[in-house]
PDB file of all heavy atoms in Angstrom:
ATOM      1  N   PHE A   1     -17.938  65.821  -8.928  1.00  0.00           N
ATOM      2  CA  PHE A   1     -17.974  66.306 -10.338  1.00  0.00           C
ATOM      3  C   PHE A   1     -16.614  66.153 -11.014  1.00  0.00           C
ATOM      4  O   PHE A   1     -15.619  66.516 -10.386  1.00  0.00           O
ATOM      5  CB  PHE A   1     -18.473  67.735 -10.326  1.00  0.00           C
ATOM      6  CG  PHE A   1     -18.842  68.297 -11.663  1.00  0.00           C
ATOM      7  CD1 PHE A   1     -20.118  68.033 -12.214  1.00  0.00           C
ATOM      8  CD2 PHE A   1     -17.925  69.056 -12.402  1.00  0.00           C
ATOM      9  CE1 PHE A   1     -20.432  68.626 -13.447  1.00  0.00           C
ATOM     10  CE2 PHE A   1     -18.277  69.600 -13.644  1.00  0.00           C
ATOM     11  CZ  PHE A   1     -19.560  69.353 -14.143  1.00  0.00           C
ATOM     12  N   PRO A   2     -16.549  65.765 -12.292  1.00  0.00           N
ATOM     13  CA  PRO A   2     -17.669  65.443 -13.188  1.00  0.00           C
ATOM     14  C   PRO A   2     -17.952  63.946 -13.366  1.00  0.00           C
ATOM     15  O   PRO A   2     -18.885  63.552 -14.000  1.00  0.00           O
ATOM     16  CB  PRO A   2     -17.202  66.000 -14.530  1.00  0.00           C
ATOM     17  CG  PRO A   2     -15.735  65.807 -14.515  1.00  0.00           C
ATOM     18  CD  PRO A   2     -15.300  65.990 -13.067  1.00  0.00           C
ATOM     19  N   PHE A   3     -17.113  63.021 -12.722  1.00  0.00           N
ATOM     20  CA  PHE A   3     -17.198  61.599 -13.030  1.00  0.00           C
ATOM     21  C   PHE A   3     -17.817  60.764 -11.914  1.00  0.00           C
ATOM     22  O   PHE A   3     -18.239  59.627 -12.169  1.00  0.00           O
ATOM     23  CB  PHE A   3     -15.849  61.072 -13.438  1.00  0.00           C
ATOM     24  CG  PHE A   3     -15.144  61.772 -14.563  1.00  0.00           C
ATOM     25  CD1 PHE A   3     -13.955  62.409 -14.391  1.00  0.00           C
ATOM     26  CD2 PHE A   3     -15.843  61.874 -15.771  1.00  0.00           C
ATOM     27  CE1 PHE A   3     -13.294  63.082 -15.443  1.00  0.00           C
ATOM     28  CE2 PHE A   3     -15.185  62.560 -16.848  1.00  0.00           C
ATOM     29  CZ  PHE A   3     -13.959  63.161 -16.665  1.00  0.00           C
ATOM     30  N   GLY A   4     -17.861  61.258 -10.706  1.00  0.00           N
ATOM     31  CA  GLY A   4     -18.406  60.470  -9.577  1.00  0.00           C
ATOM     32  C   GLY A   4     -17.565  59.323  -9.149  1.00  0.00           C
ATOM     33  O   GLY A   4     -17.975  58.499  -8.330  1.00  0.00           O
ATOM     34  N   ALA A   5     -16.330  59.228  -9.690  1.00  0.00           N
ATOM     35  CA  ALA A   5     -15.527  58.004  -9.422  1.00  0.00           C
ATOM     36  C   ALA A   5     -14.592  58.179  -8.241  1.00  0.00           C
ATOM     37  O   ALA A   5     -13.366  58.040  -8.334  1.00  0.00           O
ATOM     38  CB  ALA A   5     -14.700  57.702 -10.700  1.00  0.00           C
ATOM     39  N   VAL A   6     -15.225  58.485  -7.100  1.00  0.00           N
ATOM     40  CA  VAL A   6     -14.469  58.600  -5.847  1.00  0.00           C
ATOM     41  C   VAL A   6     -15.224  57.773  -4.756  1.00  0.00           C
ATOM     42  O   VAL A   6     -16.441  57.535  -4.929  1.00  0.00           O
ATOM     43  CB  VAL A   6     -14.305  60.029  -5.368  1.00  0.00           C
ATOM     44  CG1 VAL A   6     -13.464  60.830  -6.369  1.00  0.00           C
ATOM     45  CG2 VAL A   6     -15.665  60.698  -5.161  1.00  0.00           C
ATOM     46  N   PRO A   7     -14.505  57.299  -3.733  1.00  0.00           N
ATOM     47  CA  PRO A   7     -15.241  56.542  -2.686  1.00  0.00           C
ATOM     48  C   PRO A   7     -16.411  57.345  -2.083  1.00  0.00           C
ATOM     49  O   PRO A   7     -16.374  58.582  -2.006  1.00  0.00           O
ATOM     50  CB  PRO A   7     -14.130  56.277  -1.661  1.00  0.00           C
ATOM     51  CG  PRO A   7     -12.877  56.312  -2.458  1.00  0.00           C
ATOM     52  CD  PRO A   7     -13.062  57.366  -3.511  1.00  0.00           C
ATOM     53  N   ALA A   8     -17.410  56.619  -1.674  1.00  0.00           N
ATOM     54  CA  ALA A   8     -18.623  57.259  -1.125  1.00  0.00           C
ATOM     55  C   ALA A   8     -18.297  58.138   0.066  1.00  0.00           C
ATOM     56  O   ALA A   8     -18.924  59.219   0.236  1.00  0.00           O
ATOM     57  CB  ALA A   8     -19.638  56.190  -0.765  1.00  0.00           C
ATOM     58  N   ALA A   9     -17.334  57.737   0.855  1.00  0.00           N
ATOM     59  CA  ALA A   9     -16.986  58.554   2.052  1.00  0.00           C
ATOM     60  C   ALA A   9     -16.428  59.900   1.674  1.00  0.00           C
ATOM     61  O   ALA A   9     -16.699  60.905   2.303  1.00  0.00           O
ATOM     62  CB  ALA A   9     -16.025  57.765   2.986  1.00  0.00           C
ATOM     63  N   ILE A  10     -15.650  59.897   0.585  1.00  0.00           N
ATOM     64  CA  ILE A  10     -15.059  61.162   0.124  1.00  0.00           C
ATOM     65  C   ILE A  10     -16.137  62.054  -0.476  1.00  0.00           C
ATOM     66  O   ILE A  10     -16.164  63.262  -0.269  1.00  0.00           O
ATOM     67  CB  ILE A  10     -13.940  60.864  -0.895  1.00  0.00           C
ATOM     68  CG1 ILE A  10     -12.783  60.188  -0.200  1.00  0.00           C
ATOM     69  CG2 ILE A  10     -13.489  62.208  -1.557  1.00  0.00           C
ATOM     70  CD1 ILE A  10     -11.676  59.769  -1.111  1.00  0.00           C
ATOM     71  N   LYS A  11     -17.102  61.442  -1.177  1.00  0.00           N
ATOM     72  CA  LYS A  11     -18.173  62.205  -1.763  1.00  0.00           C
ATOM     73  C   LYS A  11     -19.009  62.823  -0.670  1.00  0.00           C
ATOM     74  O   LYS A  11     -19.446  63.983  -0.738  1.00  0.00           O
ATOM     75  CB  LYS A  11     -19.009  61.297  -2.711  1.00  0.00           C
ATOM     76  CG  LYS A  11     -19.786  62.023  -3.754  1.00  0.00           C
ATOM     77  CD  LYS A  11     -20.477  61.033  -4.693  1.00  0.00           C
ATOM     78  CE  LYS A  11     -19.474  60.267  -5.558  1.00  0.00           C
ATOM     79  NZ  LYS A  11     -20.207  59.333  -6.457  1.00  0.00           N
ATOM     80  N   ARG A  12     -19.291  62.034   0.355  1.00  0.00           N
ATOM     81  CA  ARG A  12     -20.084  62.529   1.489  1.00  0.00           C
ATOM     82  C   ARG A  12     -19.325  63.690   2.171  1.00  0.00           C
ATOM     83  O   ARG A  12     -19.928  64.720   2.513  1.00  0.00           O
ATOM     84  CB  ARG A  12     -20.301  61.377   2.485  1.00  0.00           C
ATOM     85  CG  ARG A  12     -20.673  61.823   3.917  1.00  0.00           C
ATOM     86  CD  ARG A  12     -22.125  62.250   4.073  1.00  0.00           C
ATOM     87  NE  ARG A  12     -22.385  62.711   5.395  1.00  0.00           N
ATOM     88  CZ  ARG A  12     -23.526  62.592   6.066  1.00  0.00           C
ATOM     89  NH1 ARG A  12     -24.542  61.993   5.484  1.00  0.00           N
ATOM     90  NH2 ARG A  12     -23.658  63.064   7.265  1.00  0.00           N
ATOM     91  N   ALA A  13     -17.986  63.561   2.299  1.00  0.00           N
ATOM     92  CA  ALA A  13     -17.232  64.603   2.940  1.00  0.00           C
ATOM     93  C   ALA A  13     -17.240  65.891   2.116  1.00  0.00           C
ATOM     94  O   ALA A  13     -17.300  66.997   2.654  1.00  0.00           O
ATOM     95  CB  ALA A  13     -15.760  64.141   3.120  1.00  0.00           C
ATOM     96  N   GLU A  14     -17.217  65.735   0.792  1.00  0.00           N
ATOM     97  CA  GLU A  14     -17.298  66.972  -0.083  1.00  0.00           C
ATOM     98  C   GLU A  14     -18.658  67.612   0.094  1.00  0.00           C
ATOM     99  O   GLU A  14     -18.738  68.818   0.177  1.00  0.00           O
ATOM    100  CB  GLU A  14     -17.068  66.561  -1.523  1.00  0.00           C
ATOM    101  CG  GLU A  14     -17.091  67.770  -2.447  1.00  0.00           C
ATOM    102  CD  GLU A  14     -16.934  67.492  -3.891  1.00  0.00           C
ATOM    103  OE1 GLU A  14     -17.011  66.279  -4.292  1.00  0.00           O
ATOM    104  OE2 GLU A  14     -16.717  68.407  -4.704  1.00  0.00           O
ATOM    105  N   ALA A  15     -19.700  66.792   0.134  1.00  0.00           N
ATOM    106  CA  ALA A  15     -21.054  67.343   0.339  1.00  0.00           C
ATOM    107  C   ALA A  15     -21.159  68.049   1.678  1.00  0.00           C
ATOM    108  O   ALA A  15     -21.771  69.132   1.768  1.00  0.00           O
ATOM    109  CB  ALA A  15     -22.078  66.217   0.255  1.00  0.00           C
ATOM    110  N   GLU A  16     -20.584  67.463   2.733  1.00  0.00           N
ATOM    111  CA  GLU A  16     -20.650  68.092   4.036  1.00  0.00           C
ATOM    112  C   GLU A  16     -19.885  69.421   4.036  1.00  0.00           C
ATOM    113  O   GLU A  16     -20.336  70.401   4.622  1.00  0.00           O
ATOM    114  CB  GLU A  16     -19.987  67.157   5.092  1.00  0.00           C
ATOM    115  CG  GLU A  16     -20.846  65.955   5.435  1.00  0.00           C
ATOM    116  CD  GLU A  16     -20.183  65.014   6.365  1.00  0.00           C
ATOM    117  OE1 GLU A  16     -18.937  65.062   6.488  1.00  0.00           O
ATOM    118  OE2 GLU A  16     -20.884  64.211   7.004  1.00  0.00           O
ATOM    119  N   ALA A  17     -18.737  69.460   3.354  1.00  0.00           N
ATOM    120  CA  ALA A  17     -17.959  70.687   3.260  1.00  0.00           C
ATOM    121  C   ALA A  17     -18.741  71.773   2.491  1.00  0.00           C
ATOM    122  O   ALA A  17     -18.759  72.928   2.884  1.00  0.00           O
ATOM    123  CB  ALA A  17     -16.593  70.440   2.605  1.00  0.00           C
ATOM    124  N   ALA A  18     -19.391  71.420   1.388  1.00  0.00           N
ATOM    125  CA  ALA A  18     -20.194  72.341   0.649  1.00  0.00           C
ATOM    126  C   ALA A  18     -21.337  72.883   1.507  1.00  0.00           C
ATOM    127  O   ALA A  18     -21.629  74.115   1.460  1.00  0.00           O
ATOM    128  CB  ALA A  18     -20.688  71.712  -0.643  1.00  0.00           C
ATOM    129  N   ALA A  19     -22.024  71.996   2.213  1.00  0.00           N
ATOM    130  CA  ALA A  19     -23.084  72.406   3.092  1.00  0.00           C
ATOM    131  C   ALA A  19     -22.618  73.360   4.137  1.00  0.00           C
ATOM    132  O   ALA A  19     -23.253  74.396   4.435  1.00  0.00           O
ATOM    133  CB  ALA A  19     -23.811  71.200   3.688  1.00  0.00           C
ATOM    134  N   ALA A  20     -21.501  73.046   4.760  1.00  0.00           N
ATOM    135  CA  ALA A  20     -20.916  73.911   5.821  1.00  0.00           C
ATOM    136  C   ALA A  20     -20.500  75.265   5.260  1.00  0.00           C
ATOM    137  O   ALA A  20     -20.607  76.304   5.986  1.00  0.00           O
ATOM    138  CB  ALA A  20     -19.711  73.263   6.454  1.00  0.00           C
ATOM    139  N   ALA A  21     -20.096  75.307   4.003  1.00  0.00           N
ATOM    140  CA  ALA A  21     -19.719  76.561   3.399  1.00  0.00           C
ATOM    141  C   ALA A  21     -20.844  77.423   2.941  1.00  0.00           C
ATOM    142  O   ALA A  21     -20.723  78.550   2.528  1.00  0.00           O
ATOM    143  CB  ALA A  21     -18.749  76.325   2.201  1.00  0.00           C
ATOM    144  N   GLY A  22     -22.061  76.829   2.977  1.00  0.00           N
ATOM    145  CA  GLY A  22     -23.266  77.625   2.691  1.00  0.00           C
ATOM    146  C   GLY A  22     -24.071  77.205   1.464  1.00  0.00           C
ATOM    147  O   GLY A  22     -24.981  77.899   1.017  1.00  0.00           O
ATOM    148  N   ALA A  23     -23.766  76.042   0.878  1.00  0.00           N
ATOM    149  CA  ALA A  23     -24.573  75.559  -0.267  1.00  0.00           C
ATOM    150  C   ALA A  23     -26.057  75.358   0.096  1.00  0.00           C
ATOM    151  O   ALA A  23     -26.338  74.915   1.207  1.00  0.00           O
ATOM    152  CB  ALA A  23     -23.997  74.304  -0.835  1.00  0.00           C
ATOM    153  N   ASP A  24     -26.914  75.769  -0.814  1.00  0.00           N
ATOM    154  CA  ASP A  24     -28.375  75.542  -0.601  1.00  0.00           C
ATOM    155  C   ASP A  24     -28.852  74.222  -1.251  1.00  0.00           C
ATOM    156  O   ASP A  24     -29.834  73.635  -0.813  1.00  0.00           O
ATOM    157  CB  ASP A  24     -29.169  76.693  -1.252  1.00  0.00           C
ATOM    158  CG  ASP A  24     -28.873  77.983  -0.568  1.00  0.00           C
ATOM    159  OD1 ASP A  24     -29.003  78.102   0.657  1.00  0.00           O
ATOM    160  OD2 ASP A  24     -28.540  78.974  -1.307  1.00  0.00           O
ATOM    161  N   GLU A  25     -28.141  73.784  -2.336  1.00  0.00           N
ATOM    162  CA  GLU A  25     -28.488  72.606  -3.055  1.00  0.00           C
ATOM    163  C   GLU A  25     -27.247  71.895  -3.483  1.00  0.00           C
ATOM    164  O   GLU A  25     -26.158  72.547  -3.609  1.00  0.00           O
ATOM    165  CB  GLU A  25     -29.367  72.954  -4.262  1.00  0.00           C
ATOM    166  CG  GLU A  25     -30.677  73.620  -3.959  1.00  0.00           C
ATOM    167  CD  GLU A  25     -31.492  73.980  -5.166  1.00  0.00           C
ATOM    168  OE1 GLU A  25     -31.012  73.668  -6.318  1.00  0.00           O
ATOM    169  OE2 GLU A  25     -32.585  74.544  -5.071  1.00  0.00           O
ATOM    170  N   LEU A  26     -27.328  70.578  -3.747  1.00  0.00           N
ATOM    171  CA  LEU A  26     -26.209  69.774  -4.176  1.00  0.00           C
ATOM    172  C   LEU A  26     -26.557  69.017  -5.450  1.00  0.00           C
ATOM    173  O   LEU A  26     -27.553  68.319  -5.515  1.00  0.00           O
ATOM    174  CB  LEU A  26     -25.869  68.786  -3.090  1.00  0.00           C
ATOM    175  CG  LEU A  26     -25.496  69.349  -1.725  1.00  0.00           C
ATOM    176  CD1 LEU A  26     -25.359  68.243  -0.667  1.00  0.00           C
ATOM    177  CD2 LEU A  26     -24.259  70.200  -1.756  1.00  0.00           C
ATOM    178  N   ASP A  27     -25.709  69.191  -6.494  1.00  0.00           N
ATOM    179  CA  ASP A  27     -25.861  68.415  -7.721  1.00  0.00           C
ATOM    180  C   ASP A  27     -24.783  67.342  -7.687  1.00  0.00           C
ATOM    181  O   ASP A  27     -23.583  67.625  -7.801  1.00  0.00           O
ATOM    182  CB  ASP A  27     -25.660  69.357  -8.948  1.00  0.00           C
ATOM    183  CG  ASP A  27     -26.825  70.231  -9.206  1.00  0.00           C
ATOM    184  OD1 ASP A  27     -27.705  70.380  -8.299  1.00  0.00           O
ATOM    185  OD2 ASP A  27     -26.919  70.816 -10.335  1.00  0.00           O
ATOM    186  N   VAL A  28     -25.238  66.086  -7.592  1.00  0.00           N
ATOM    187  CA  VAL A  28     -24.295  64.975  -7.238  1.00  0.00           C
ATOM    188  C   VAL A  28     -24.122  63.995  -8.427  1.00  0.00           C
ATOM    189  O   VAL A  28     -25.129  63.571  -9.027  1.00  0.00           O
ATOM    190  CB  VAL A  28     -24.826  64.194  -6.008  1.00  0.00           C
ATOM    191  CG1 VAL A  28     -23.839  63.073  -5.643  1.00  0.00           C
ATOM    192  CG2 VAL A  28     -25.009  65.120  -4.826  1.00  0.00           C
ATOM    193  N   VAL A  29     -22.878  63.672  -8.746  1.00  0.00           N
ATOM    194  CA  VAL A  29     -22.544  62.674  -9.682  1.00  0.00           C
ATOM    195  C   VAL A  29     -22.525  61.293  -8.979  1.00  0.00           C
ATOM    196  O   VAL A  29     -21.774  61.119  -8.059  1.00  0.00           O
ATOM    197  CB  VAL A  29     -21.235  62.931 -10.406  1.00  0.00           C
ATOM    198  CG1 VAL A  29     -21.022  61.887 -11.519  1.00  0.00           C
ATOM    199  CG2 VAL A  29     -21.201  64.319 -10.969  1.00  0.00           C
ATOM    200  N   PRO A  30     -23.353  60.321  -9.412  1.00  0.00           N
ATOM    201  CA  PRO A  30     -23.393  59.048  -8.730  1.00  0.00           C
ATOM    202  C   PRO A  30     -22.216  58.125  -9.145  1.00  0.00           C
ATOM    203  O   PRO A  30     -21.394  58.499  -9.953  1.00  0.00           O
ATOM    204  CB  PRO A  30     -24.739  58.477  -9.209  1.00  0.00           C
ATOM    205  CG  PRO A  30     -24.869  59.005 -10.605  1.00  0.00           C
ATOM    206  CD  PRO A  30     -24.306  60.413 -10.538  1.00  0.00           C
ATOM    207  N   ASP A  31     -22.231  56.960  -8.529  1.00  0.00           N
ATOM    208  CA  ASP A  31     -21.184  55.954  -8.844  1.00  0.00           C
ATOM    209  C   ASP A  31     -21.558  55.183 -10.075  1.00  0.00           C
ATOM    210  O   ASP A  31     -22.264  54.165 -10.061  1.00  0.00           O
ATOM    211  CB  ASP A  31     -21.088  54.984  -7.630  1.00  0.00           C
ATOM    212  CG  ASP A  31     -19.937  53.991  -7.801  1.00  0.00           C
ATOM    213  OD1 ASP A  31     -19.444  53.793  -8.896  1.00  0.00           O
ATOM    214  OD2 ASP A  31     -19.568  53.367  -6.751  1.00  0.00           O
ATOM    215  N   PHE A  32     -21.058  55.665 -11.220  1.00  0.00           N
ATOM    216  CA  PHE A  32     -21.444  55.027 -12.493  1.00  0.00           C
ATOM    217  C   PHE A  32     -20.781  53.662 -12.606  1.00  0.00           C
ATOM    218  O   PHE A  32     -21.304  52.815 -13.363  1.00  0.00           O
ATOM    219  CB  PHE A  32     -21.024  55.908 -13.664  1.00  0.00           C
ATOM    220  CG  PHE A  32     -21.866  57.126 -13.847  1.00  0.00           C
ATOM    221  CD1 PHE A  32     -21.378  58.397 -13.673  1.00  0.00           C
ATOM    222  CD2 PHE A  32     -23.243  57.018 -14.184  1.00  0.00           C
ATOM    223  CE1 PHE A  32     -22.154  59.513 -13.826  1.00  0.00           C
ATOM    224  CE2 PHE A  32     -24.057  58.115 -14.301  1.00  0.00           C
ATOM    225  CZ  PHE A  32     -23.515  59.401 -14.122  1.00  0.00           C
TER     226      PHE A  32
END
């Protein structure tokens, strides 16, 4: 967030960190 302009591996790592911290859902900005 908010632009999605990061490498896919970094985006995946952020999602993994959010999940590990307890997130129930993920709102993801794609690669525009």
